[in-house]
Protein backbone atom coordinates (compact mmCIF):
# COMPACT_ATOMS: atom_id res chain seq x y z
CA UNK A 1 0.00 0.00 0.00
CA UNK A 2 1.46 3.36 -0.98
CA UNK A 3 1.57 6.36 1.41
CA UNK A 4 -0.98 8.10 -0.84
CA UNK A 5 -3.37 5.12 -0.56
CA UNK A 6 -2.93 4.95 3.22
CA UNK A 7 -3.80 8.67 3.51
CA UNK A 8 -6.97 8.21 1.43
CA UNK A 9 -8.04 5.27 3.60
CA UNK A 10 -7.39 7.28 6.79
CA UNK A 11 -9.47 10.21 5.61
CA UNK A 12 -12.43 7.87 5.09
CA UNK A 13 -12.42 6.84 8.81
CA UNK A 14 -14.29 8.78 11.58
CA UNK A 15 -10.95 9.90 13.02
CA UNK A 16 -9.73 10.92 9.64
CA UNK A 17 -12.85 12.98 8.99
CA UNK A 18 -11.69 15.34 11.75
CA UNK A 19 -8.27 15.66 10.21
CA UNK A 20 -9.17 18.05 7.40
CA UNK A 21 -11.01 20.73 9.47
CA UNK A 22 -8.33 20.57 12.15
CA UNK A 23 -5.59 21.05 9.57
CA UNK A 24 -7.50 23.87 7.87
CA UNK A 25 -8.10 25.64 11.20
CA UNK A 26 -4.46 25.20 12.20
CA UNK A 27 -3.34 26.54 8.84
CA UNK A 28 -5.55 29.62 9.14
CA UNK A 29 -4.32 30.33 12.69
CA UNK A 30 -0.74 29.89 11.56
CA UNK A 31 -1.28 32.44 8.80
CA UNK A 32 -3.08 34.90 11.09
CA UNK A 33 -0.83 37.56 12.56
CA UNK A 34 -1.41 40.61 14.74
CA UNK A 35 -2.43 43.61 12.72
CA UNK A 36 0.11 46.41 12.75
CA UNK A 37 -0.71 49.57 14.68
CA UNK A 38 -1.22 51.59 11.47
CA UNK A 39 -3.69 48.94 10.25
CA UNK A 40 -5.52 48.99 13.59
CA UNK A 41 -5.56 52.78 13.71
CA UNK A 42 -7.13 52.88 10.24
CA UNK A 43 -9.92 50.52 11.38
CA UNK A 44 -10.46 52.52 14.59
CA UNK A 45 -10.75 55.77 12.64
CA UNK A 46 -13.23 54.21 10.23
CA UNK A 47 -15.30 52.88 13.15
CA UNK A 48 -15.12 56.18 15.00
CA UNK A 49 -16.74 57.94 12.05
CA UNK A 50 -19.56 55.42 11.61
CA UNK A 51 -20.29 54.01 15.09
CA UNK A 52 -23.72 54.87 16.52
CA UNK A 53 -24.80 51.94 18.66
CA UNK A 54 -24.12 48.33 19.62
CA UNK A 55 -25.75 45.32 21.22
CA UNK A 56 -24.10 42.15 22.47
CA UNK A 57 -24.17 39.31 24.92
CA UNK A 58 -21.88 40.07 27.85
CA UNK A 59 -19.71 38.04 30.18
CA UNK A 60 -18.21 40.11 32.99
CA UNK A 61 -15.50 39.02 35.44
CA UNK A 62 -14.43 40.96 38.53
CA UNK A 63 -11.19 39.68 40.05
CA UNK A 64 -9.81 40.64 43.50
CA UNK A 65 -6.16 39.65 43.70
CA UNK A 66 -5.67 39.80 47.47
CA UNK A 67 -8.52 37.33 47.96
CA UNK A 68 -7.73 35.37 44.78
CA UNK A 69 -11.45 35.55 44.15
CA UNK A 70 -13.42 36.20 40.98
CA UNK A 71 -17.11 36.71 40.36
CA UNK A 72 -18.82 36.21 37.03
CA UNK A 73 -22.00 37.75 35.65
CA UNK A 74 -23.79 37.07 32.38
CA UNK A 75 -26.31 39.15 30.47
CA UNK A 76 -26.62 41.59 27.61
CA UNK A 77 -25.49 45.13 26.84
CA UNK A 78 -26.83 48.02 24.77
CA UNK A 79 -24.79 51.13 23.97
CA UNK A 80 -25.93 54.33 22.27
CA UNK A 81 -23.55 57.06 21.16
CA UNK A 82 -25.28 60.43 21.52
CA UNK A 83 -22.50 62.62 20.12
CA UNK A 84 -18.71 62.65 20.01
CA UNK A 85 -17.40 61.57 23.42
CA UNK A 86 -20.86 60.98 24.94
CA UNK A 87 -22.43 57.58 25.39
CA UNK A 88 -25.40 55.99 27.16
CA UNK A 89 -25.51 52.34 28.12
CA UNK A 90 -27.71 49.66 29.65
CA UNK A 91 -26.68 46.24 30.98
CA UNK A 92 -29.18 43.52 31.90
CA UNK A 93 -27.58 40.77 33.96
CA UNK A 94 -29.52 37.52 34.22
CA UNK A 95 -26.99 35.27 35.99
CA UNK A 96 -26.24 34.60 38.77
CA UNK A 97 -28.74 37.28 39.90
CA UNK A 98 -31.02 39.58 37.97
CA UNK A 99 -29.73 43.15 37.92
CA UNK A 100 -30.10 46.11 35.57
CA UNK A 101 -27.55 48.91 35.21
CA UNK A 102 -27.83 52.12 33.23
CA UNK A 103 -25.34 54.89 32.54
CA UNK A 104 -26.89 58.15 31.37
CA UNK A 105 -27.17 61.81 32.36
CA UNK A 106 -23.94 61.57 34.40
CA UNK A 107 -25.49 58.94 36.65
CA UNK A 108 -25.05 55.21 37.12
CA UNK A 109 -28.23 53.48 38.27
CA UNK A 110 -28.30 49.87 39.49
CA UNK A 111 -31.73 48.28 39.86
CA UNK A 112 -32.08 45.21 42.06
CA UNK A 113 -35.49 43.69 41.28
CA UNK A 114 -35.43 41.19 44.16
CA UNK A 115 -35.59 44.04 46.68
CA UNK A 116 -37.17 46.59 44.30
CA UNK A 117 -34.35 49.05 44.96
CA UNK A 118 -32.39 51.32 42.66
CA UNK A 119 -28.97 52.62 43.72
CA UNK A 120 -28.07 55.95 42.12
CA UNK A 121 -24.51 57.27 41.91
CA UNK A 122 -23.63 60.70 40.53
CA UNK A 123 -20.51 60.37 38.36
CA UNK A 124 -20.43 63.93 37.09
CA UNK A 125 -16.78 64.47 38.05
CA UNK A 126 -15.58 61.50 36.03
CA UNK A 127 -18.32 61.36 33.42
CA UNK A 128 -16.02 62.18 30.51
CA UNK A 129 -13.47 59.60 31.68
CA UNK A 130 -16.14 56.89 31.89
CA UNK A 131 -17.43 57.71 28.41
CA UNK A 132 -13.88 57.66 27.07
CA UNK A 133 -13.23 54.25 28.62
CA UNK A 134 -16.51 52.73 27.46
CA UNK A 135 -15.94 53.91 23.88
CA UNK A 136 -12.44 52.42 23.51
CA UNK A 137 -12.57 50.41 20.32
CA UNK A 138 -16.09 51.54 19.49
CA UNK A 139 -16.21 55.28 18.90
CA UNK A 140 -12.77 56.61 19.83
CA UNK A 141 -10.37 57.68 17.09
CA UNK A 142 -6.73 56.60 17.01
CA UNK A 143 -5.68 60.23 17.55
CA UNK A 144 -7.71 60.44 20.77
CA UNK A 145 -6.30 57.14 22.03
CA UNK A 146 -2.70 58.07 21.22
CA UNK A 147 -3.16 61.37 23.04
CA UNK A 148 -4.18 59.59 26.26
CA UNK A 149 -2.42 56.22 26.12
CA UNK A 150 0.85 54.59 25.18
CA UNK A 151 -0.23 51.75 22.90
CA UNK A 152 1.57 48.52 22.08
CA UNK A 153 0.68 45.23 20.42
CA UNK A 154 0.90 42.20 22.74
CA UNK A 155 0.11 39.54 20.15
CA UNK A 156 -2.66 37.65 18.38
CA UNK A 157 -5.39 35.65 20.12
CA UNK A 158 -8.77 34.21 19.14
CA UNK A 159 -11.82 35.22 21.21
CA UNK A 160 -14.86 33.01 20.57
CA UNK A 161 -13.11 31.79 17.43
CA UNK A 162 -12.46 35.28 16.05
CA UNK A 163 -8.79 36.18 15.42
CA UNK A 164 -7.96 39.36 17.35
CA UNK A 165 -5.00 41.61 17.92
CA UNK A 166 -4.30 42.05 21.64
CA UNK A 167 -3.42 45.63 22.60
CA UNK A 168 -2.16 47.18 25.82
CA UNK A 169 -3.06 50.81 26.61
CA UNK A 170 -1.15 52.50 29.42
CA UNK A 171 -2.35 55.97 30.55
CA UNK A 172 0.27 58.64 29.94
CA UNK A 173 -0.75 60.48 33.11
CA UNK A 174 -2.19 59.22 36.40
CA UNK A 175 -5.81 60.12 37.11
CA UNK A 176 -6.80 60.81 40.71
CA UNK A 177 -10.41 60.18 39.78
CA UNK A 178 -10.21 57.01 37.70
CA UNK A 179 -7.69 54.48 39.00
CA UNK A 180 -6.81 52.66 35.79
CA UNK A 181 -3.27 51.31 35.65
CA UNK A 182 -3.68 49.92 32.17
CA UNK A 183 -6.32 48.67 29.76
CA UNK A 184 -6.09 45.68 27.47
CA UNK A 185 -8.36 45.30 24.47
CA UNK A 186 -8.75 42.55 21.88
CA UNK A 187 -9.73 43.98 18.47
CA UNK A 188 -11.14 41.66 15.80
CA UNK A 189 -9.08 41.46 12.62
CA UNK A 190 -12.26 41.48 10.53
CA UNK A 191 -13.70 44.83 11.61
CA UNK A 192 -11.54 46.30 14.39
CA UNK A 193 -14.27 46.15 17.03
CA UNK A 194 -13.53 44.87 20.57
CA UNK A 195 -14.23 41.28 21.48
CA UNK A 196 -12.82 41.74 24.99
CA UNK A 197 -11.77 44.63 27.24
CA UNK A 198 -9.83 44.32 30.50
CA UNK A 199 -9.30 47.14 33.01
CA UNK A 200 -6.50 46.77 35.58
CA UNK A 201 -7.01 48.81 38.74
CA UNK A 202 -3.78 48.06 40.59
CA UNK A 203 -2.69 45.37 43.04
CA UNK A 204 -3.66 42.78 40.43
CA UNK A 205 -7.40 43.58 40.51
CA UNK A 206 -9.21 43.74 37.19
CA UNK A 207 -12.61 43.93 35.50
CA UNK A 208 -13.05 42.06 32.24
CA UNK A 209 -15.85 42.24 29.68
CA UNK A 210 -16.15 39.72 26.85
CA UNK A 211 -18.65 40.27 24.04
CA UNK A 212 -20.38 37.77 21.79
CA UNK A 213 -23.12 38.07 19.15
CA UNK A 214 -21.89 41.65 18.70
CA UNK A 215 -24.09 43.79 16.46
CA UNK A 216 -22.94 47.23 15.31
CA UNK A 217 -25.41 50.06 14.71
CA UNK A 218 -28.67 48.26 15.55
CA UNK A 219 -31.71 50.58 15.72
CA UNK A 220 -31.61 51.94 19.29
CA UNK A 221 -33.02 55.08 20.88
CA UNK A 222 -32.80 56.68 24.32
CA UNK A 223 -35.69 54.59 25.61
CA UNK A 224 -33.79 51.43 24.73
CA UNK A 225 -30.93 52.24 27.09
CA UNK A 226 -32.91 53.72 29.98
CA UNK A 227 -34.31 51.75 32.93
CA UNK A 228 -38.05 51.33 33.24
CA UNK A 229 -38.48 51.40 37.01
CA UNK A 230 -41.62 50.56 39.06
CA UNK A 231 -43.39 53.55 40.57
CA UNK A 232 -42.86 52.21 44.08
CA UNK A 233 -39.13 51.56 43.66
CA UNK A 234 -36.96 52.39 46.67
CA UNK A 235 -34.12 54.84 45.91
CA UNK A 236 -30.72 54.73 47.57
CA UNK A 237 -27.75 57.08 47.10
CA UNK A 238 -24.63 55.15 48.20
CA UNK A 239 -22.21 57.99 47.41
CA UNK A 240 -23.97 60.48 49.72
C-alpha atoms as a PDB file:
ATOM      1  CA  UNK A   1       0.000   0.000   0.000  1.00  0.00           C
ATOM      2  CA  UNK A   2       1.463   3.356  -0.979  1.00  0.00           C
ATOM      3  CA  UNK A   3       1.569   6.359   1.411  1.00  0.00           C
ATOM      4  CA  UNK A   4      -0.975   8.097  -0.843  1.00  0.00           C
ATOM      5  CA  UNK A   5      -3.374   5.125  -0.561  1.00  0.00           C
ATOM      6  CA  UNK A   6      -2.933   4.948   3.220  1.00  0.00           C
ATOM      7  CA  UNK A   7      -3.804   8.670   3.513  1.00  0.00           C
ATOM      8  CA  UNK A   8      -6.970   8.210   1.425  1.00  0.00           C
ATOM      9  CA  UNK A   9      -8.045   5.266   3.604  1.00  0.00           C
ATOM     10  CA  UNK A  10      -7.387   7.285   6.792  1.00  0.00           C
ATOM     11  CA  UNK A  11      -9.468  10.208   5.609  1.00  0.00           C
ATOM     12  CA  UNK A  12     -12.435   7.869   5.093  1.00  0.00           C
ATOM     13  CA  UNK A  13     -12.420   6.843   8.806  1.00  0.00           C
ATOM     14  CA  UNK A  14     -14.286   8.776  11.582  1.00  0.00           C
ATOM     15  CA  UNK A  15     -10.954   9.899  13.021  1.00  0.00           C
ATOM     16  CA  UNK A  16      -9.729  10.923   9.638  1.00  0.00           C
ATOM     17  CA  UNK A  17     -12.849  12.978   8.991  1.00  0.00           C
ATOM     18  CA  UNK A  18     -11.695  15.342  11.749  1.00  0.00           C
ATOM     19  CA  UNK A  19      -8.271  15.657  10.210  1.00  0.00           C
ATOM     20  CA  UNK A  20      -9.174  18.054   7.401  1.00  0.00           C
ATOM     21  CA  UNK A  21     -11.013  20.731   9.471  1.00  0.00           C
ATOM     22  CA  UNK A  22      -8.329  20.571  12.153  1.00  0.00           C
ATOM     23  CA  UNK A  23      -5.594  21.050   9.572  1.00  0.00           C
ATOM     24  CA  UNK A  24      -7.498  23.871   7.865  1.00  0.00           C
ATOM     25  CA  UNK A  25      -8.098  25.635  11.201  1.00  0.00           C
ATOM     26  CA  UNK A  26      -4.463  25.202  12.204  1.00  0.00           C
ATOM     27  CA  UNK A  27      -3.344  26.536   8.835  1.00  0.00           C
ATOM     28  CA  UNK A  28      -5.549  29.619   9.143  1.00  0.00           C
ATOM     29  CA  UNK A  29      -4.318  30.327  12.685  1.00  0.00           C
ATOM     30  CA  UNK A  30      -0.741  29.889  11.563  1.00  0.00           C
ATOM     31  CA  UNK A  31      -1.279  32.443   8.798  1.00  0.00           C
ATOM     32  CA  UNK A  32      -3.082  34.903  11.091  1.00  0.00           C
ATOM     33  CA  UNK A  33      -0.831  37.561  12.556  1.00  0.00           C
ATOM     34  CA  UNK A  34      -1.407  40.608  14.736  1.00  0.00           C
ATOM     35  CA  UNK A  35      -2.434  43.608  12.716  1.00  0.00           C
ATOM     36  CA  UNK A  36       0.113  46.405  12.745  1.00  0.00           C
ATOM     37  CA  UNK A  37      -0.705  49.569  14.677  1.00  0.00           C
ATOM     38  CA  UNK A  38      -1.218  51.593  11.469  1.00  0.00           C
ATOM     39  CA  UNK A  39      -3.694  48.940  10.253  1.00  0.00           C
ATOM     40  CA  UNK A  40      -5.524  48.986  13.588  1.00  0.00           C
ATOM     41  CA  UNK A  41      -5.562  52.779  13.707  1.00  0.00           C
ATOM     42  CA  UNK A  42      -7.126  52.880  10.235  1.00  0.00           C
ATOM     43  CA  UNK A  43      -9.915  50.521  11.377  1.00  0.00           C
ATOM     44  CA  UNK A  44     -10.461  52.523  14.593  1.00  0.00           C
ATOM     45  CA  UNK A  45     -10.748  55.771  12.640  1.00  0.00           C
ATOM     46  CA  UNK A  46     -13.231  54.212  10.231  1.00  0.00           C
ATOM     47  CA  UNK A  47     -15.298  52.880  13.154  1.00  0.00           C
ATOM     48  CA  UNK A  48     -15.117  56.175  15.004  1.00  0.00           C
ATOM     49  CA  UNK A  49     -16.738  57.939  12.051  1.00  0.00           C
ATOM     50  CA  UNK A  50     -19.562  55.418  11.614  1.00  0.00           C
ATOM     51  CA  UNK A  51     -20.292  54.005  15.089  1.00  0.00           C
ATOM     52  CA  UNK A  52     -23.724  54.873  16.515  1.00  0.00           C
ATOM     53  CA  UNK A  53     -24.797  51.937  18.665  1.00  0.00           C
ATOM     54  CA  UNK A  54     -24.117  48.334  19.624  1.00  0.00           C
ATOM     55  CA  UNK A  55     -25.752  45.325  21.221  1.00  0.00           C
ATOM     56  CA  UNK A  56     -24.104  42.148  22.474  1.00  0.00           C
ATOM     57  CA  UNK A  57     -24.171  39.305  24.925  1.00  0.00           C
ATOM     58  CA  UNK A  58     -21.878  40.074  27.848  1.00  0.00           C
ATOM     59  CA  UNK A  59     -19.707  38.036  30.175  1.00  0.00           C
ATOM     60  CA  UNK A  60     -18.207  40.110  32.994  1.00  0.00           C
ATOM     61  CA  UNK A  61     -15.496  39.019  35.438  1.00  0.00           C
ATOM     62  CA  UNK A  62     -14.428  40.958  38.527  1.00  0.00           C
ATOM     63  CA  UNK A  63     -11.188  39.679  40.048  1.00  0.00           C
ATOM     64  CA  UNK A  64      -9.811  40.645  43.497  1.00  0.00           C
ATOM     65  CA  UNK A  65      -6.156  39.650  43.697  1.00  0.00           C
ATOM     66  CA  UNK A  66      -5.666  39.799  47.469  1.00  0.00           C
ATOM     67  CA  UNK A  67      -8.519  37.331  47.957  1.00  0.00           C
ATOM     68  CA  UNK A  68      -7.735  35.369  44.777  1.00  0.00           C
ATOM     69  CA  UNK A  69     -11.454  35.553  44.146  1.00  0.00           C
ATOM     70  CA  UNK A  70     -13.424  36.205  40.981  1.00  0.00           C
ATOM     71  CA  UNK A  71     -17.108  36.714  40.361  1.00  0.00           C
ATOM     72  CA  UNK A  72     -18.820  36.209  37.031  1.00  0.00           C
ATOM     73  CA  UNK A  73     -22.001  37.747  35.649  1.00  0.00           C
ATOM     74  CA  UNK A  74     -23.791  37.072  32.378  1.00  0.00           C
ATOM     75  CA  UNK A  75     -26.306  39.145  30.471  1.00  0.00           C
ATOM     76  CA  UNK A  76     -26.619  41.595  27.605  1.00  0.00           C
ATOM     77  CA  UNK A  77     -25.487  45.132  26.843  1.00  0.00           C
ATOM     78  CA  UNK A  78     -26.830  48.016  24.772  1.00  0.00           C
ATOM     79  CA  UNK A  79     -24.790  51.128  23.970  1.00  0.00           C
ATOM     80  CA  UNK A  80     -25.934  54.334  22.267  1.00  0.00           C
ATOM     81  CA  UNK A  81     -23.549  57.057  21.157  1.00  0.00           C
ATOM     82  CA  UNK A  82     -25.276  60.433  21.515  1.00  0.00           C
ATOM     83  CA  UNK A  83     -22.501  62.624  20.122  1.00  0.00           C
ATOM     84  CA  UNK A  84     -18.713  62.652  20.007  1.00  0.00           C
ATOM     85  CA  UNK A  85     -17.395  61.573  23.418  1.00  0.00           C
ATOM     86  CA  UNK A  86     -20.859  60.981  24.935  1.00  0.00           C
ATOM     87  CA  UNK A  87     -22.434  57.576  25.386  1.00  0.00           C
ATOM     88  CA  UNK A  88     -25.401  55.990  27.164  1.00  0.00           C
ATOM     89  CA  UNK A  89     -25.510  52.341  28.123  1.00  0.00           C
ATOM     90  CA  UNK A  90     -27.711  49.664  29.652  1.00  0.00           C
ATOM     91  CA  UNK A  91     -26.684  46.244  30.979  1.00  0.00           C
ATOM     92  CA  UNK A  92     -29.181  43.523  31.901  1.00  0.00           C
ATOM     93  CA  UNK A  93     -27.585  40.770  33.962  1.00  0.00           C
ATOM     94  CA  UNK A  94     -29.518  37.516  34.218  1.00  0.00           C
ATOM     95  CA  UNK A  95     -26.993  35.269  35.989  1.00  0.00           C
ATOM     96  CA  UNK A  96     -26.244  34.602  38.770  1.00  0.00           C
ATOM     97  CA  UNK A  97     -28.738  37.280  39.902  1.00  0.00           C
ATOM     98  CA  UNK A  98     -31.024  39.577  37.972  1.00  0.00           C
ATOM     99  CA  UNK A  99     -29.731  43.152  37.923  1.00  0.00           C
ATOM    100  CA  UNK A 100     -30.103  46.107  35.571  1.00  0.00           C
ATOM    101  CA  UNK A 101     -27.555  48.909  35.210  1.00  0.00           C
ATOM    102  CA  UNK A 102     -27.830  52.121  33.231  1.00  0.00           C
ATOM    103  CA  UNK A 103     -25.344  54.889  32.538  1.00  0.00           C
ATOM    104  CA  UNK A 104     -26.888  58.147  31.369  1.00  0.00           C
ATOM    105  CA  UNK A 105     -27.168  61.811  32.364  1.00  0.00           C
ATOM    106  CA  UNK A 106     -23.943  61.569  34.404  1.00  0.00           C
ATOM    107  CA  UNK A 107     -25.493  58.941  36.653  1.00  0.00           C
ATOM    108  CA  UNK A 108     -25.054  55.210  37.117  1.00  0.00           C
ATOM    109  CA  UNK A 109     -28.233  53.477  38.271  1.00  0.00           C
ATOM    110  CA  UNK A 110     -28.303  49.866  39.489  1.00  0.00           C
ATOM    111  CA  UNK A 111     -31.733  48.281  39.861  1.00  0.00           C
ATOM    112  CA  UNK A 112     -32.076  45.206  42.061  1.00  0.00           C
ATOM    113  CA  UNK A 113     -35.486  43.694  41.279  1.00  0.00           C
ATOM    114  CA  UNK A 114     -35.432  41.194  44.161  1.00  0.00           C
ATOM    115  CA  UNK A 115     -35.595  44.040  46.676  1.00  0.00           C
ATOM    116  CA  UNK A 116     -37.167  46.591  44.304  1.00  0.00           C
ATOM    117  CA  UNK A 117     -34.347  49.052  44.957  1.00  0.00           C
ATOM    118  CA  UNK A 118     -32.385  51.321  42.656  1.00  0.00           C
ATOM    119  CA  UNK A 119     -28.972  52.625  43.719  1.00  0.00           C
ATOM    120  CA  UNK A 120     -28.066  55.946  42.119  1.00  0.00           C
ATOM    121  CA  UNK A 121     -24.509  57.274  41.909  1.00  0.00           C
ATOM    122  CA  UNK A 122     -23.633  60.699  40.525  1.00  0.00           C
ATOM    123  CA  UNK A 123     -20.506  60.367  38.359  1.00  0.00           C
ATOM    124  CA  UNK A 124     -20.429  63.932  37.089  1.00  0.00           C
ATOM    125  CA  UNK A 125     -16.784  64.470  38.049  1.00  0.00           C
ATOM    126  CA  UNK A 126     -15.584  61.498  36.034  1.00  0.00           C
ATOM    127  CA  UNK A 127     -18.317  61.355  33.415  1.00  0.00           C
ATOM    128  CA  UNK A 128     -16.015  62.180  30.506  1.00  0.00           C
ATOM    129  CA  UNK A 129     -13.469  59.599  31.676  1.00  0.00           C
ATOM    130  CA  UNK A 130     -16.139  56.891  31.887  1.00  0.00           C
ATOM    131  CA  UNK A 131     -17.428  57.711  28.407  1.00  0.00           C
ATOM    132  CA  UNK A 132     -13.880  57.656  27.073  1.00  0.00           C
ATOM    133  CA  UNK A 133     -13.226  54.250  28.622  1.00  0.00           C
ATOM    134  CA  UNK A 134     -16.510  52.733  27.458  1.00  0.00           C
ATOM    135  CA  UNK A 135     -15.936  53.905  23.876  1.00  0.00           C
ATOM    136  CA  UNK A 136     -12.439  52.418  23.507  1.00  0.00           C
ATOM    137  CA  UNK A 137     -12.570  50.409  20.322  1.00  0.00           C
ATOM    138  CA  UNK A 138     -16.095  51.539  19.490  1.00  0.00           C
ATOM    139  CA  UNK A 139     -16.210  55.279  18.896  1.00  0.00           C
ATOM    140  CA  UNK A 140     -12.769  56.606  19.827  1.00  0.00           C
ATOM    141  CA  UNK A 141     -10.370  57.685  17.092  1.00  0.00           C
ATOM    142  CA  UNK A 142      -6.732  56.600  17.010  1.00  0.00           C
ATOM    143  CA  UNK A 143      -5.681  60.228  17.547  1.00  0.00           C
ATOM    144  CA  UNK A 144      -7.709  60.440  20.767  1.00  0.00           C
ATOM    145  CA  UNK A 145      -6.298  57.138  22.026  1.00  0.00           C
ATOM    146  CA  UNK A 146      -2.702  58.075  21.222  1.00  0.00           C
ATOM    147  CA  UNK A 147      -3.163  61.375  23.043  1.00  0.00           C
ATOM    148  CA  UNK A 148      -4.182  59.591  26.255  1.00  0.00           C
ATOM    149  CA  UNK A 149      -2.417  56.225  26.116  1.00  0.00           C
ATOM    150  CA  UNK A 150       0.855  54.592  25.183  1.00  0.00           C
ATOM    151  CA  UNK A 151      -0.235  51.749  22.897  1.00  0.00           C
ATOM    152  CA  UNK A 152       1.569  48.522  22.078  1.00  0.00           C
ATOM    153  CA  UNK A 153       0.680  45.230  20.424  1.00  0.00           C
ATOM    154  CA  UNK A 154       0.901  42.197  22.742  1.00  0.00           C
ATOM    155  CA  UNK A 155       0.110  39.544  20.152  1.00  0.00           C
ATOM    156  CA  UNK A 156      -2.656  37.647  18.384  1.00  0.00           C
ATOM    157  CA  UNK A 157      -5.390  35.651  20.121  1.00  0.00           C
ATOM    158  CA  UNK A 158      -8.767  34.207  19.144  1.00  0.00           C
ATOM    159  CA  UNK A 159     -11.823  35.218  21.211  1.00  0.00           C
ATOM    160  CA  UNK A 160     -14.861  33.007  20.573  1.00  0.00           C
ATOM    161  CA  UNK A 161     -13.111  31.789  17.433  1.00  0.00           C
ATOM    162  CA  UNK A 162     -12.459  35.284  16.054  1.00  0.00           C
ATOM    163  CA  UNK A 163      -8.794  36.181  15.425  1.00  0.00           C
ATOM    164  CA  UNK A 164      -7.964  39.357  17.353  1.00  0.00           C
ATOM    165  CA  UNK A 165      -5.001  41.607  17.920  1.00  0.00           C
ATOM    166  CA  UNK A 166      -4.303  42.049  21.638  1.00  0.00           C
ATOM    167  CA  UNK A 167      -3.416  45.634  22.602  1.00  0.00           C
ATOM    168  CA  UNK A 168      -2.159  47.183  25.817  1.00  0.00           C
ATOM    169  CA  UNK A 169      -3.061  50.811  26.606  1.00  0.00           C
ATOM    170  CA  UNK A 170      -1.152  52.500  29.421  1.00  0.00           C
ATOM    171  CA  UNK A 171      -2.352  55.969  30.549  1.00  0.00           C
ATOM    172  CA  UNK A 172       0.269  58.644  29.940  1.00  0.00           C
ATOM    173  CA  UNK A 173      -0.754  60.480  33.111  1.00  0.00           C
ATOM    174  CA  UNK A 174      -2.186  59.224  36.401  1.00  0.00           C
ATOM    175  CA  UNK A 175      -5.805  60.120  37.109  1.00  0.00           C
ATOM    176  CA  UNK A 176      -6.797  60.808  40.714  1.00  0.00           C
ATOM    177  CA  UNK A 177     -10.411  60.184  39.776  1.00  0.00           C
ATOM    178  CA  UNK A 178     -10.207  57.009  37.697  1.00  0.00           C
ATOM    179  CA  UNK A 179      -7.690  54.477  39.000  1.00  0.00           C
ATOM    180  CA  UNK A 180      -6.809  52.656  35.788  1.00  0.00           C
ATOM    181  CA  UNK A 181      -3.266  51.306  35.651  1.00  0.00           C
ATOM    182  CA  UNK A 182      -3.681  49.916  32.172  1.00  0.00           C
ATOM    183  CA  UNK A 183      -6.323  48.667  29.759  1.00  0.00           C
ATOM    184  CA  UNK A 184      -6.088  45.679  27.472  1.00  0.00           C
ATOM    185  CA  UNK A 185      -8.364  45.304  24.465  1.00  0.00           C
ATOM    186  CA  UNK A 186      -8.750  42.553  21.884  1.00  0.00           C
ATOM    187  CA  UNK A 187      -9.728  43.983  18.474  1.00  0.00           C
ATOM    188  CA  UNK A 188     -11.142  41.664  15.804  1.00  0.00           C
ATOM    189  CA  UNK A 189      -9.078  41.459  12.617  1.00  0.00           C
ATOM    190  CA  UNK A 190     -12.256  41.484  10.535  1.00  0.00           C
ATOM    191  CA  UNK A 191     -13.699  44.830  11.611  1.00  0.00           C
ATOM    192  CA  UNK A 192     -11.539  46.297  14.388  1.00  0.00           C
ATOM    193  CA  UNK A 193     -14.275  46.155  17.032  1.00  0.00           C
ATOM    194  CA  UNK A 194     -13.527  44.867  20.568  1.00  0.00           C
ATOM    195  CA  UNK A 195     -14.233  41.276  21.484  1.00  0.00           C
ATOM    196  CA  UNK A 196     -12.822  41.740  24.993  1.00  0.00           C
ATOM    197  CA  UNK A 197     -11.771  44.631  27.240  1.00  0.00           C
ATOM    198  CA  UNK A 198      -9.834  44.319  30.498  1.00  0.00           C
ATOM    199  CA  UNK A 199      -9.305  47.143  33.007  1.00  0.00           C
ATOM    200  CA  UNK A 200      -6.503  46.775  35.577  1.00  0.00           C
ATOM    201  CA  UNK A 201      -7.014  48.808  38.741  1.00  0.00           C
ATOM    202  CA  UNK A 202      -3.782  48.062  40.586  1.00  0.00           C
ATOM    203  CA  UNK A 203      -2.689  45.366  43.037  1.00  0.00           C
ATOM    204  CA  UNK A 204      -3.664  42.785  40.428  1.00  0.00           C
ATOM    205  CA  UNK A 205      -7.398  43.580  40.511  1.00  0.00           C
ATOM    206  CA  UNK A 206      -9.210  43.744  37.193  1.00  0.00           C
ATOM    207  CA  UNK A 207     -12.608  43.931  35.497  1.00  0.00           C
ATOM    208  CA  UNK A 208     -13.047  42.060  32.235  1.00  0.00           C
ATOM    209  CA  UNK A 209     -15.853  42.243  29.679  1.00  0.00           C
ATOM    210  CA  UNK A 210     -16.148  39.719  26.848  1.00  0.00           C
ATOM    211  CA  UNK A 211     -18.654  40.270  24.044  1.00  0.00           C
ATOM    212  CA  UNK A 212     -20.384  37.765  21.789  1.00  0.00           C
ATOM    213  CA  UNK A 213     -23.116  38.067  19.147  1.00  0.00           C
ATOM    214  CA  UNK A 214     -21.893  41.654  18.701  1.00  0.00           C
ATOM    215  CA  UNK A 215     -24.086  43.792  16.463  1.00  0.00           C
ATOM    216  CA  UNK A 216     -22.939  47.228  15.309  1.00  0.00           C
ATOM    217  CA  UNK A 217     -25.414  50.064  14.709  1.00  0.00           C
ATOM    218  CA  UNK A 218     -28.674  48.256  15.546  1.00  0.00           C
ATOM    219  CA  UNK A 219     -31.710  50.584  15.719  1.00  0.00           C
ATOM    220  CA  UNK A 220     -31.605  51.939  19.290  1.00  0.00           C
ATOM    221  CA  UNK A 221     -33.025  55.083  20.877  1.00  0.00           C
ATOM    222  CA  UNK A 222     -32.805  56.682  24.319  1.00  0.00           C
ATOM    223  CA  UNK A 223     -35.691  54.593  25.614  1.00  0.00           C
ATOM    224  CA  UNK A 224     -33.792  51.433  24.731  1.00  0.00           C
ATOM    225  CA  UNK A 225     -30.926  52.238  27.091  1.00  0.00           C
ATOM    226  CA  UNK A 226     -32.912  53.721  29.983  1.00  0.00           C
ATOM    227  CA  UNK A 227     -34.305  51.753  32.931  1.00  0.00           C
ATOM    228  CA  UNK A 228     -38.052  51.330  33.238  1.00  0.00           C
ATOM    229  CA  UNK A 229     -38.483  51.399  37.014  1.00  0.00           C
ATOM    230  CA  UNK A 230     -41.616  50.559  39.056  1.00  0.00           C
ATOM    231  CA  UNK A 231     -43.390  53.547  40.567  1.00  0.00           C
ATOM    232  CA  UNK A 232     -42.857  52.209  44.085  1.00  0.00           C
ATOM    233  CA  UNK A 233     -39.127  51.556  43.656  1.00  0.00           C
ATOM    234  CA  UNK A 234     -36.960  52.389  46.667  1.00  0.00           C
ATOM    235  CA  UNK A 235     -34.123  54.840  45.907  1.00  0.00           C
ATOM    236  CA  UNK A 236     -30.719  54.731  47.566  1.00  0.00           C
ATOM    237  CA  UNK A 237     -27.751  57.083  47.103  1.00  0.00           C
ATOM    238  CA  UNK A 238     -24.627  55.150  48.205  1.00  0.00           C
ATOM    239  CA  UNK A 239     -22.207  57.987  47.406  1.00  0.00           C
ATOM    240  CA  UNK A 240     -23.966  60.475  49.717  1.00  0.00           C
END
